[in-house]
Amino acid sequence: MSTSDSSKDKLLNDLQQVIKDAEDLLKNAEQQTGAGFQNARAKFESTLKNAKAEIVRMEDMVVTKTKEAAQATDTYVKENPWQSIGIAAGIGLLLGVVISRSK
């Protein structure tokens, strides 16, 4: 399993936990306003904080990967301008054929 997959799984688990904690918080709010409510609220806030931190971390990772891909593409195009033009023309041709057949 890649780091990206484990990050997605962790985020999904965190979000599921946030939902569960929110449900518990609502149940406890209806039943009591004492220690049970405060414990549920503290747990919910902690889980929410962890989920937000994971989202920020994943956003940073996506931005970094996108910048790396853009730099690699830029380098390739600068080093191979004619091949890049050929690839772009080929992709354009394929898209034109697909679009014309779908109409």
PDB file of N, CA and C in Angstrom:
ATOM      1  N   MET A   1       0.849  -1.174   0.000  1.00  0.00           N
ATOM      2  CA  MET A   1       0.000   0.000   0.000  1.00  0.00           C
ATOM      3  C   MET A   1       0.893   1.235   0.000  1.00  0.00           C
ATOM      4  N   SER A   2       0.558   2.178  -0.842  1.00  0.00           N
ATOM      5  CA  SER A   2       1.369   3.384  -0.942  1.00  0.00           C
ATOM      6  C   SER A   2       1.039   4.349   0.187  1.00  0.00           C
ATOM      7  N   THR A   3       1.910   5.345   0.347  1.00  0.00           N
ATOM      8  CA  THR A   3       1.694   6.364   1.364  1.00  0.00           C
ATOM      9  C   THR A   3       0.399   7.110   1.104  1.00  0.00           C
ATOM     10  N   SER A   4       0.113   7.363  -0.165  1.00  0.00           N
ATOM     11  CA  SER A   4      -1.109   8.073  -0.529  1.00  0.00           C
ATOM     12  C   SER A   4      -2.345   7.271  -0.126  1.00  0.00           C
ATOM     13  N   ASP A   5      -2.312   5.949  -0.380  1.00  0.00           N
ATOM     14  CA  ASP A   5      -3.450   5.109  -0.013  1.00  0.00           C
ATOM     15  C   ASP A   5      -3.636   5.070   1.494  1.00  0.00           C
ATOM     16  N   SER A   6      -2.535   4.940   2.236  1.00  0.00           N
ATOM     17  CA  SER A   6      -2.661   4.895   3.693  1.00  0.00           C
ATOM     18  C   SER A   6      -3.142   6.246   4.230  1.00  0.00           C
ATOM     19  N   SER A   7      -2.735   7.344   3.603  1.00  0.00           N
ATOM     20  CA  SER A   7      -3.213   8.668   4.016  1.00  0.00           C
ATOM     21  C   SER A   7      -4.705   8.802   3.756  1.00  0.00           C
ATOM     22  N   LYS A   8      -5.147   8.305   2.593  1.00  0.00           N
ATOM     23  CA  LYS A   8      -6.576   8.366   2.280  1.00  0.00           C
ATOM     24  C   LYS A   8      -7.371   7.527   3.265  1.00  0.00           C
ATOM     25  N   ASP A   9      -6.859   6.335   3.577  1.00  0.00           N
ATOM     26  CA  ASP A   9      -7.547   5.469   4.534  1.00  0.00           C
ATOM     27  C   ASP A   9      -7.604   6.125   5.907  1.00  0.00           C
ATOM     28  N   LYS A  10      -6.504   6.740   6.326  1.00  0.00           N
ATOM     29  CA  LYS A  10      -6.472   7.400   7.626  1.00  0.00           C
ATOM     30  C   LYS A  10      -7.462   8.559   7.653  1.00  0.00           C
ATOM     31  N   LEU A  11      -7.493   9.348   6.586  1.00  0.00           N
ATOM     32  CA  LEU A  11      -8.431  10.467   6.525  1.00  0.00           C
ATOM     33  C   LEU A  11      -9.870   9.968   6.567  1.00  0.00           C
ATOM     34  N   LEU A  12     -10.156   8.926   5.809  1.00  0.00           N
ATOM     35  CA  LEU A  12     -11.505   8.360   5.810  1.00  0.00           C
ATOM     36  C   LEU A  12     -11.882   7.871   7.199  1.00  0.00           C
ATOM     37  N   ASN A  13     -10.959   7.171   7.859  1.00  0.00           N
ATOM     38  CA  ASN A  13     -11.228   6.697   9.219  1.00  0.00           C
ATOM     39  C   ASN A  13     -11.439   7.862  10.175  1.00  0.00           C
ATOM     40  N   ASP A  14     -10.624   8.909  10.029  1.00  0.00           N
ATOM     41  CA  ASP A  14     -10.788  10.092  10.887  1.00  0.00           C
ATOM     42  C   ASP A  14     -12.143  10.747  10.669  1.00  0.00           C
ATOM     43  N   LEU A  15     -12.553  10.873   9.419  1.00  0.00           N
ATOM     44  CA  LEU A  15     -13.849  11.492   9.134  1.00  0.00           C
ATOM     45  C   LEU A  15     -15.001  10.644   9.657  1.00  0.00           C
ATOM     46  N   GLN A  16     -14.861   9.319   9.544  1.00  0.00           N
ATOM     47  CA  GLN A  16     -15.887   8.438  10.096  1.00  0.00           C
ATOM     48  C   GLN A  16     -15.947   8.585  11.617  1.00  0.00           C
ATOM     49  N   GLN A  17     -14.781   8.733  12.236  1.00  0.00           N
ATOM     50  CA  GLN A  17     -14.744   8.917  13.686  1.00  0.00           C
ATOM     51  C   GLN A  17     -15.379  10.251  14.080  1.00  0.00           C
ATOM     52  N   VAL A  18     -15.151  11.288  13.275  1.00  0.00           N
ATOM     53  CA  VAL A  18     -15.773  12.592  13.549  1.00  0.00           C
ATOM     54  C   VAL A  18     -17.286  12.457  13.518  1.00  0.00           C
ATOM     55  N   ILE A  19     -17.796  11.743  12.544  1.00  0.00           N
ATOM     56  CA  ILE A  19     -19.250  11.541  12.445  1.00  0.00           C
ATOM     57  C   ILE A  19     -19.758  10.777  13.661  1.00  0.00           C
ATOM     58  N   LYS A  20     -19.055   9.713  14.028  1.00  0.00           N
ATOM     59  CA  LYS A  20     -19.468   8.925  15.194  1.00  0.00           C
ATOM     60  C   LYS A  20     -19.430   9.783  16.457  1.00  0.00           C
ATOM     61  N   ASP A  21     -18.364  10.554  16.614  1.00  0.00           N
ATOM     62  CA  ASP A  21     -18.257  11.414  17.800  1.00  0.00           C
ATOM     63  C   ASP A  21     -19.347  12.484  17.818  1.00  0.00           C
ATOM     64  N   ALA A  22     -19.685  13.004  16.648  1.00  0.00           N
ATOM     65  CA  ALA A  22     -20.762  13.999  16.578  1.00  0.00           C
ATOM     66  C   ALA A  22     -22.088  13.380  16.998  1.00  0.00           C
ATOM     67  N   GLU A  23     -22.333  12.147  16.557  1.00  0.00           N
ATOM     68  CA  GLU A  23     -23.564  11.461  16.953  1.00  0.00           C
ATOM     69  C   GLU A  23     -23.591  11.237  18.465  1.00  0.00           C
ATOM     70  N   ASP A  24     -22.436  10.799  19.013  1.00  0.00           N
ATOM     71  CA  ASP A  24     -22.354  10.600  20.464  1.00  0.00           C
ATOM     72  C   ASP A  24     -22.583  11.911  21.203  1.00  0.00           C
ATOM     73  N   LEU A  25     -21.997  12.974  20.683  1.00  0.00           N
ATOM     74  CA  LEU A  25     -22.152  14.289  21.311  1.00  0.00           C
ATOM     75  C   LEU A  25     -23.618  14.707  21.337  1.00  0.00           C
ATOM     76  N   LEU A  26     -24.313  14.493  20.225  1.00  0.00           N
ATOM     77  CA  LEU A  26     -25.728  14.846  20.165  1.00  0.00           C
ATOM     78  C   LEU A  26     -26.559  14.003  21.130  1.00  0.00           C
ATOM     79  N   LYS A  27     -26.254  12.710  21.212  1.00  0.00           N
ATOM     80  CA  LYS A  27     -26.979  11.845  22.140  1.00  0.00           C
ATOM     81  C   LYS A  27     -26.761  12.308  23.580  1.00  0.00           C
ATOM     82  N   ASN A  28     -25.509  12.600  23.907  1.00  0.00           N
ATOM     83  CA  ASN A  28     -25.196  13.028  25.267  1.00  0.00           C
ATOM     84  C   ASN A  28     -25.782  14.405  25.571  1.00  0.00           C
ATOM     85  N   ALA A  29     -25.890  15.245  24.570  1.00  0.00           N
ATOM     86  CA  ALA A  29     -26.459  16.573  24.788  1.00  0.00           C
ATOM     87  C   ALA A  29     -27.924  16.469  25.159  1.00  0.00           C
ATOM     88  N   GLU A  30     -28.602  15.503  24.562  1.00  0.00           N
ATOM     89  CA  GLU A  30     -30.010  15.312  24.878  1.00  0.00           C
ATOM     90  C   GLU A  30     -30.196  14.721  26.269  1.00  0.00           C
ATOM     91  N   GLN A  31     -29.280  13.837  26.675  1.00  0.00           N
ATOM     92  CA  GLN A  31     -29.438  13.101  27.924  1.00  0.00           C
ATOM     93  C   GLN A  31     -28.912  13.849  29.137  1.00  0.00           C
ATOM     94  N   GLN A  32     -27.824  14.563  28.950  1.00  0.00           N
ATOM     95  CA  GLN A  32     -27.224  15.211  30.098  1.00  0.00           C
ATOM     96  C   GLN A  32     -26.369  16.396  29.668  1.00  0.00           C
ATOM     97  N   THR A  33     -26.049  17.203  30.615  1.00  0.00           N
ATOM     98  CA  THR A  33     -25.198  18.349  30.338  1.00  0.00           C
ATOM     99  C   THR A  33     -23.957  18.331  31.221  1.00  0.00           C
ATOM    100  N   GLY A  34     -23.719  17.234  31.927  1.00  0.00           N
ATOM    101  CA  GLY A  34     -22.608  17.143  32.867  1.00  0.00           C
ATOM    102  C   GLY A  34     -21.348  16.578  32.256  1.00  0.00           C
ATOM    103  N   ALA A  35     -20.725  15.672  32.998  1.00  0.00           N
ATOM    104  CA  ALA A  35     -19.420  15.121  32.628  1.00  0.00           C
ATOM    105  C   ALA A  35     -19.469  14.328  31.320  1.00  0.00           C
ATOM    106  N   GLY A  36     -20.534  13.576  31.106  1.00  0.00           N
ATOM    107  CA  GLY A  36     -20.644  12.788  29.872  1.00  0.00           C
ATOM    108  C   GLY A  36     -20.615  13.676  28.643  1.00  0.00           C
ATOM    109  N   PHE A  37     -21.330  14.767  28.713  1.00  0.00           N
ATOM    110  CA  PHE A  37     -21.351  15.712  27.597  1.00  0.00           C
ATOM    111  C   PHE A  37     -19.973  16.319  27.383  1.00  0.00           C
ATOM    112  N   GLN A  38     -19.328  16.713  28.472  1.00  0.00           N
ATOM    113  CA  GLN A  38     -18.004  17.329  28.363  1.00  0.00           C
ATOM    114  C   GLN A  38     -16.979  16.343  27.791  1.00  0.00           C
ATOM    115  N   ASN A  39     -17.050  15.064  28.205  1.00  0.00           N
ATOM    116  CA  ASN A  39     -16.137  14.053  27.676  1.00  0.00           C
ATOM    117  C   ASN A  39     -16.381  13.824  26.186  1.00  0.00           C
ATOM    118  N   ALA A  40     -17.652  13.728  25.801  1.00  0.00           N
ATOM    119  CA  ALA A  40     -17.987  13.523  24.391  1.00  0.00           C
ATOM    120  C   ALA A  40     -17.532  14.722  23.566  1.00  0.00           C
ATOM    121  N   ARG A  41     -17.727  15.905  24.096  1.00  0.00           N
ATOM    122  CA  ARG A  41     -17.317  17.117  23.384  1.00  0.00           C
ATOM    123  C   ARG A  41     -15.797  17.166  23.217  1.00  0.00           C
ATOM    124  N   ALA A  42     -15.057  16.841  24.263  1.00  0.00           N
ATOM    125  CA  ALA A  42     -13.590  16.849  24.191  1.00  0.00           C
ATOM    126  C   ALA A  42     -13.088  15.829  23.171  1.00  0.00           C
ATOM    127  N   LYS A  43     -13.701  14.646  23.159  1.00  0.00           N
ATOM    128  CA  LYS A  43     -13.315  13.609  22.201  1.00  0.00           C
ATOM    129  C   LYS A  43     -13.616  14.068  20.779  1.00  0.00           C
ATOM    130  N   PHE A  44     -14.784  14.654  20.586  1.00  0.00           N
ATOM    131  CA  PHE A  44     -15.175  15.158  19.267  1.00  0.00           C
ATOM    132  C   PHE A  44     -14.206  16.230  18.781  1.00  0.00           C
ATOM    133  N   GLU A  45     -13.873  17.171  19.643  1.00  0.00           N
ATOM    134  CA  GLU A  45     -12.950  18.246  19.269  1.00  0.00           C
ATOM    135  C   GLU A  45     -11.571  17.698  18.922  1.00  0.00           C
ATOM    136  N   SER A  46     -11.121  16.705  19.670  1.00  0.00           N
ATOM    137  CA  SER A  46      -9.817  16.094  19.400  1.00  0.00           C
ATOM    138  C   SER A  46      -9.815  15.391  18.046  1.00  0.00           C
ATOM    139  N   THR A  47     -10.860  14.626  17.773  1.00  0.00           N
ATOM    140  CA  THR A  47     -10.964  13.915  16.497  1.00  0.00           C
ATOM    141  C   THR A  47     -11.056  14.897  15.339  1.00  0.00           C
ATOM    142  N   LEU A  48     -11.834  15.943  15.519  1.00  0.00           N
ATOM    143  CA  LEU A  48     -11.979  16.964  14.481  1.00  0.00           C
ATOM    144  C   LEU A  48     -10.642  17.651  14.205  1.00  0.00           C
ATOM    145  N   LYS A  49      -9.913  17.959  15.257  1.00  0.00           N
ATOM    146  CA  LYS A  49      -8.595  18.582  15.112  1.00  0.00           C
ATOM    147  C   LYS A  49      -7.650  17.671  14.324  1.00  0.00           C
ATOM    148  N   ASN A  50      -7.663  16.376  14.633  1.00  0.00           N
ATOM    149  CA  ASN A  50      -6.812  15.425  13.916  1.00  0.00           C
ATOM    150  C   ASN A  50      -7.210  15.313  12.448  1.00  0.00           C
ATOM    151  N   ALA A  51      -8.510  15.295  12.175  1.00  0.00           N
ATOM    152  CA  ALA A  51      -8.978  15.208  10.790  1.00  0.00           C
ATOM    153  C   ALA A  51      -8.576  16.457  10.010  1.00  0.00           C
ATOM    154  N   LYS A  52      -8.700  17.629  10.624  1.00  0.00           N
ATOM    155  CA  LYS A  52      -8.294  18.868   9.954  1.00  0.00           C
ATOM    156  C   LYS A  52      -6.800  18.861   9.661  1.00  0.00           C
ATOM    157  N   ALA A  53      -6.012  18.404  10.611  1.00  0.00           N
ATOM    158  CA  ALA A  53      -4.556  18.349  10.411  1.00  0.00           C
ATOM    159  C   ALA A  53      -4.206  17.399   9.268  1.00  0.00           C
ATOM    160  N   GLU A  54      -4.910  16.282   9.175  1.00  0.00           N
ATOM    161  CA  GLU A  54      -4.658  15.322   8.102  1.00  0.00           C
ATOM    162  C   GLU A  54      -5.050  15.913   6.748  1.00  0.00           C
ATOM    163  N   ILE A  55      -6.147  16.655   6.704  1.00  0.00           N
ATOM    164  CA  ILE A  55      -6.563  17.298   5.458  1.00  0.00           C
ATOM    165  C   ILE A  55      -5.515  18.314   5.012  1.00  0.00           C
ATOM    166  N   VAL A  56      -5.018  19.106   5.940  1.00  0.00           N
ATOM    167  CA  VAL A  56      -3.985  20.098   5.613  1.00  0.00           C
ATOM    168  C   VAL A  56      -2.728  19.397   5.101  1.00  0.00           C
ATOM    169  N   ARG A  57      -2.347  18.298   5.765  1.00  0.00           N
ATOM    170  CA  ARG A  57      -1.156  17.551   5.353  1.00  0.00           C
ATOM    171  C   ARG A  57      -1.334  16.990   3.936  1.00  0.00           C
ATOM    172  N   MET A  58      -2.532  16.455   3.664  1.00  0.00           N
ATOM    173  CA  MET A  58      -2.791  15.904   2.336  1.00  0.00           C
ATOM    174  C   MET A  58      -2.814  17.006   1.279  1.00  0.00           C
ATOM    175  N   GLU A  59      -3.371  18.173   1.610  1.00  0.00           N
ATOM    176  CA  GLU A  59      -3.373  19.288   0.665  1.00  0.00           C
ATOM    177  C   GLU A  59      -1.938  19.703   0.332  1.00  0.00           C
ATOM    178  N   ASP A  60      -1.096  19.781   1.352  1.00  0.00           N
ATOM    179  CA  ASP A  60       0.308  20.133   1.136  1.00  0.00           C
ATOM    180  C   ASP A  60       0.996  19.109   0.239  1.00  0.00           C
ATOM    181  N   MET A  61       0.689  17.823   0.469  1.00  0.00           N
ATOM    182  CA  MET A  61       1.292  16.763  -0.331  1.00  0.00           C
ATOM    183  C   MET A  61       0.836  16.878  -1.788  1.00  0.00           C
ATOM    184  N   VAL A  62      -0.443  17.155  -2.012  1.00  0.00           N
ATOM    185  CA  VAL A  62      -0.966  17.294  -3.373  1.00  0.00           C
ATOM    186  C   VAL A  62      -0.321  18.487  -4.077  1.00  0.00           C
ATOM    187  N   VAL A  63      -0.195  19.609  -3.379  1.00  0.00           N
ATOM    188  CA  VAL A  63       0.437  20.794  -3.965  1.00  0.00           C
ATOM    189  C   VAL A  63       1.881  20.497  -4.335  1.00  0.00           C
ATOM    190  N   THR A  64       2.600  19.828  -3.444  1.00  0.00           N
ATOM    191  CA  THR A  64       4.002  19.486  -3.712  1.00  0.00           C
ATOM    192  C   THR A  64       4.114  18.573  -4.928  1.00  0.00           C
ATOM    193  N   LYS A  65       3.291  17.539  -4.988  1.00  0.00           N
ATOM    194  CA  LYS A  65       3.326  16.600  -6.124  1.00  0.00           C
ATOM    195  C   LYS A  65       2.952  17.312  -7.426  1.00  0.00           C
ATOM    196  N   THR A  66       1.985  18.214  -7.362  1.00  0.00           N
ATOM    197  CA  THR A  66       1.571  18.951  -8.557  1.00  0.00           C
ATOM    198  C   THR A  66       2.696  19.845  -9.053  1.00  0.00           C
ATOM    199  N   LYS A  67       3.374  20.518  -8.137  1.00  0.00           N
ATOM    200  CA  LYS A  67       4.503  21.370  -8.522  1.00  0.00           C
ATOM    201  C   LYS A  67       5.620  20.541  -9.137  1.00  0.00           C
ATOM    202  N   GLU A  68       5.901  19.373  -8.552  1.00  0.00           N
ATOM    203  CA  GLU A  68       6.936  18.495  -9.096  1.00  0.00           C
ATOM    204  C   GLU A  68       6.574  18.037 -10.506  1.00  0.00           C
ATOM    205  N   ALA A  69       5.316  17.669 -10.713  1.00  0.00           N
ATOM    206  CA  ALA A  69       4.871  17.228 -12.038  1.00  0.00           C
ATOM    207  C   ALA A  69       4.959  18.366 -13.047  1.00  0.00           C
ATOM    208  N   ALA A  70       4.574  19.570 -12.630  1.00  0.00           N
ATOM    209  CA  ALA A  70       4.645  20.726 -13.527  1.00  0.00           C
ATOM    210  C   ALA A  70       6.091  21.036 -13.898  1.00  0.00           C
ATOM    211  N   GLN A  71       6.998  20.948 -12.933  1.00  0.00           N
ATOM    212  CA  GLN A  71       8.415  21.199 -13.214  1.00  0.00           C
ATOM    213  C   GLN A  71       8.983  20.137 -14.150  1.00  0.00           C
ATOM    214  N   ALA A  72       8.611  18.877 -13.928  1.00  0.00           N
ATOM    215  CA  ALA A  72       9.084  17.798 -14.793  1.00  0.00           C
ATOM    216  C   ALA A  72       8.563  17.987 -16.217  1.00  0.00           C
ATOM    217  N   THR A  73       7.308  18.375 -16.336  1.00  0.00           N
ATOM    218  CA  THR A  73       6.727  18.625 -17.658  1.00  0.00           C
ATOM    219  C   THR A  73       7.418  19.795 -18.341  1.00  0.00           C
ATOM    220  N   ASP A  74       7.641  20.857 -17.601  1.00  0.00           N
ATOM    221  CA  ASP A  74       8.311  22.032 -18.143  1.00  0.00           C
ATOM    222  C   ASP A  74       9.718  21.682 -18.633  1.00  0.00           C
ATOM    223  N   THR A  75      10.436  20.919 -17.835  1.00  0.00           N
ATOM    224  CA  THR A  75      11.790  20.504 -18.216  1.00  0.00           C
ATOM    225  C   THR A  75      11.751  19.655 -19.483  1.00  0.00           C
ATOM    226  N   TYR A  76      10.821  18.692 -19.534  1.00  0.00           N
ATOM    227  CA  TYR A  76      10.718  17.819 -20.699  1.00  0.00           C
ATOM    228  C   TYR A  76      10.413  18.633 -21.953  1.00  0.00           C
ATOM    229  N   VAL A  77       9.470  19.558 -21.850  1.00  0.00           N
ATOM    230  CA  VAL A  77       9.090  20.363 -23.023  1.00  0.00           C
ATOM    231  C   VAL A  77      10.260  21.222 -23.478  1.00  0.00           C
ATOM    232  N   LYS A  78      11.005  21.789 -22.554  1.00  0.00           N
ATOM    233  CA  LYS A  78      12.160  22.612 -22.925  1.00  0.00           C
ATOM    234  C   LYS A  78      13.266  21.789 -23.569  1.00  0.00           C
ATOM    235  N   GLU A  79      13.457  20.557 -23.097  1.00  0.00           N
ATOM    236  CA  GLU A  79      14.508  19.698 -23.639  1.00  0.00           C
ATOM    237  C   GLU A  79      14.076  18.995 -24.913  1.00  0.00           C
ATOM    238  N   ASN A  80      12.789  18.825 -25.143  1.00  0.00           N
ATOM    239  CA  ASN A  80      12.264  18.090 -26.295  1.00  0.00           C
ATOM    240  C   ASN A  80      11.102  18.841 -26.932  1.00  0.00           C
ATOM    241  N   PRO A  81      11.355  20.028 -27.482  1.00  0.00           N
ATOM    242  CA  PRO A  81      10.231  20.821 -27.997  1.00  0.00           C
ATOM    243  C   PRO A  81       9.495  20.150 -29.161  1.00  0.00           C
ATOM    244  N   TRP A  82      10.214  19.540 -30.070  1.00  0.00           N
ATOM    245  CA  TRP A  82       9.546  18.947 -31.233  1.00  0.00           C
ATOM    246  C   TRP A  82       8.750  17.704 -30.847  1.00  0.00           C
ATOM    247  N   GLN A  83       9.283  16.915 -29.950  1.00  0.00           N
ATOM    248  CA  GLN A  83       8.524  15.752 -29.477  1.00  0.00           C
ATOM    249  C   GLN A  83       7.259  16.204 -28.744  1.00  0.00           C
ATOM    250  N   SER A  84       7.387  17.271 -27.978  1.00  0.00           N
ATOM    251  CA  SER A  84       6.236  17.800 -27.247  1.00  0.00           C
ATOM    252  C   SER A  84       5.157  18.279 -28.208  1.00  0.00           C
ATOM    253  N   ILE A  85       5.561  18.944 -29.277  1.00  0.00           N
ATOM    254  CA  ILE A  85       4.604  19.403 -30.289  1.00  0.00           C
ATOM    255  C   ILE A  85       3.924  18.206 -30.941  1.00  0.00           C
ATOM    256  N   GLY A  86       4.710  17.178 -31.252  1.00  0.00           N
ATOM    257  CA  GLY A  86       4.150  15.966 -31.861  1.00  0.00           C
ATOM    258  C   GLY A  86       3.154  15.278 -30.944  1.00  0.00           C
ATOM    259  N   ILE A  87       3.502  15.175 -29.674  1.00  0.00           N
ATOM    260  CA  ILE A  87       2.596  14.546 -28.700  1.00  0.00           C
ATOM    261  C   ILE A  87       1.315  15.354 -28.572  1.00  0.00           C
ATOM    262  N   ALA A  88       1.439  16.673 -28.480  1.00  0.00           N
ATOM    263  CA  ALA A  88       0.258  17.532 -28.371  1.00  0.00           C
ATOM    264  C   ALA A  88      -0.623  17.406 -29.609  1.00  0.00           C
ATOM    265  N   ALA A  89      -0.007  17.358 -30.788  1.00  0.00           N
ATOM    266  CA  ALA A  89      -0.776  17.211 -32.029  1.00  0.00           C
ATOM    267  C   ALA A  89      -1.495  15.866 -32.060  1.00  0.00           C
ATOM    268  N   GLY A  90      -0.809  14.816 -31.623  1.00  0.00           N
ATOM    269  CA  GLY A  90      -1.421  13.486 -31.588  1.00  0.00           C
ATOM    270  C   GLY A  90      -2.599  13.429 -30.642  1.00  0.00           C
ATOM    271  N   ILE A  91      -2.433  14.011 -29.477  1.00  0.00           N
ATOM    272  CA  ILE A  91      -3.529  14.043 -28.512  1.00  0.00           C
ATOM    273  C   ILE A  91      -4.703  14.846 -29.063  1.00  0.00           C
ATOM    274  N   GLY A  92      -4.398  15.977 -29.694  1.00  0.00           N
ATOM    275  CA  GLY A  92      -5.452  16.789 -30.306  1.00  0.00           C
ATOM    276  C   GLY A  92      -6.196  16.022 -31.385  1.00  0.00           C
ATOM    277  N   LEU A  93      -5.454  15.288 -32.199  1.00  0.00           N
ATOM    278  CA  LEU A  93      -6.064  14.484 -33.254  1.00  0.00           C
ATOM    279  C   LEU A  93      -6.975  13.416 -32.658  1.00  0.00           C
ATOM    280  N   LEU A  94      -6.490  12.711 -31.645  1.00  0.00           N
ATOM    281  CA  LEU A  94      -7.305  11.669 -30.999  1.00  0.00           C
ATOM    282  C   LEU A  94      -8.571  12.261 -30.377  1.00  0.00           C
ATOM    283  N   LEU A  95      -8.435  13.383 -29.701  1.00  0.00           N
ATOM    284  CA  LEU A  95      -9.618  14.028 -29.123  1.00  0.00           C
ATOM    285  C   LEU A  95     -10.603  14.440 -30.201  1.00  0.00           C
ATOM    286  N   GLY A  96     -10.098  14.956 -31.315  1.00  0.00           N
ATOM    287  CA  GLY A  96     -10.967  15.339 -32.428  1.00  0.00           C
ATOM    288  C   GLY A  96     -11.727  14.143 -32.973  1.00  0.00           C
ATOM    289  N   VAL A  97     -11.050  13.003 -33.114  1.00  0.00           N
ATOM    290  CA  VAL A  97     -11.708  11.812 -33.621  1.00  0.00           C
ATOM    291  C   VAL A  97     -12.783  11.321 -32.635  1.00  0.00           C
ATOM    292  N   VAL A  98     -12.450  11.304 -31.363  1.00  0.00           N
ATOM    293  CA  VAL A  98     -13.403  10.846 -30.345  1.00  0.00           C
ATOM    294  C   VAL A  98     -14.626  11.765 -30.306  1.00  0.00           C
ATOM    295  N   ILE A  99     -14.393  13.065 -30.335  1.00  0.00           N
ATOM    296  CA  ILE A  99     -15.497  14.023 -30.291  1.00  0.00           C
ATOM    297  C   ILE A  99     -16.370  13.911 -31.534  1.00  0.00           C
ATOM    298  N   SER A 100     -15.742  13.762 -32.692  1.00  0.00           N
ATOM    299  CA  SER A 100     -16.531  13.682 -33.925  1.00  0.00           C
ATOM    300  C   SER A 100     -17.346  12.399 -33.996  1.00  0.00           C
ATOM    301  N   ARG A 101     -16.870  11.324 -33.425  1.00  0.00           N
ATOM    302  CA  ARG A 101     -17.614  10.062 -33.426  1.00  0.00           C
ATOM    303  C   ARG A 101     -18.747  10.076 -32.411  1.00  0.00           C
ATOM    304  N   SER A 102     -18.590  10.859 -31.352  1.00  0.00           N
ATOM    305  CA  SER A 102     -19.635  10.881 -30.328  1.00  0.00           C
ATOM    306  C   SER A 102     -20.839  11.707 -30.714  1.00  0.00           C
ATOM    307  N   LYS A 103     -20.727  12.500 -31.749  1.00  0.00           N
ATOM    308  CA  LYS A 103     -21.847  13.362 -32.157  1.00  0.00           C
ATOM    309  C   LYS A 103     -22.769  12.654 -33.073  1.00  0.00           C
TER     310      LYS A 103
END
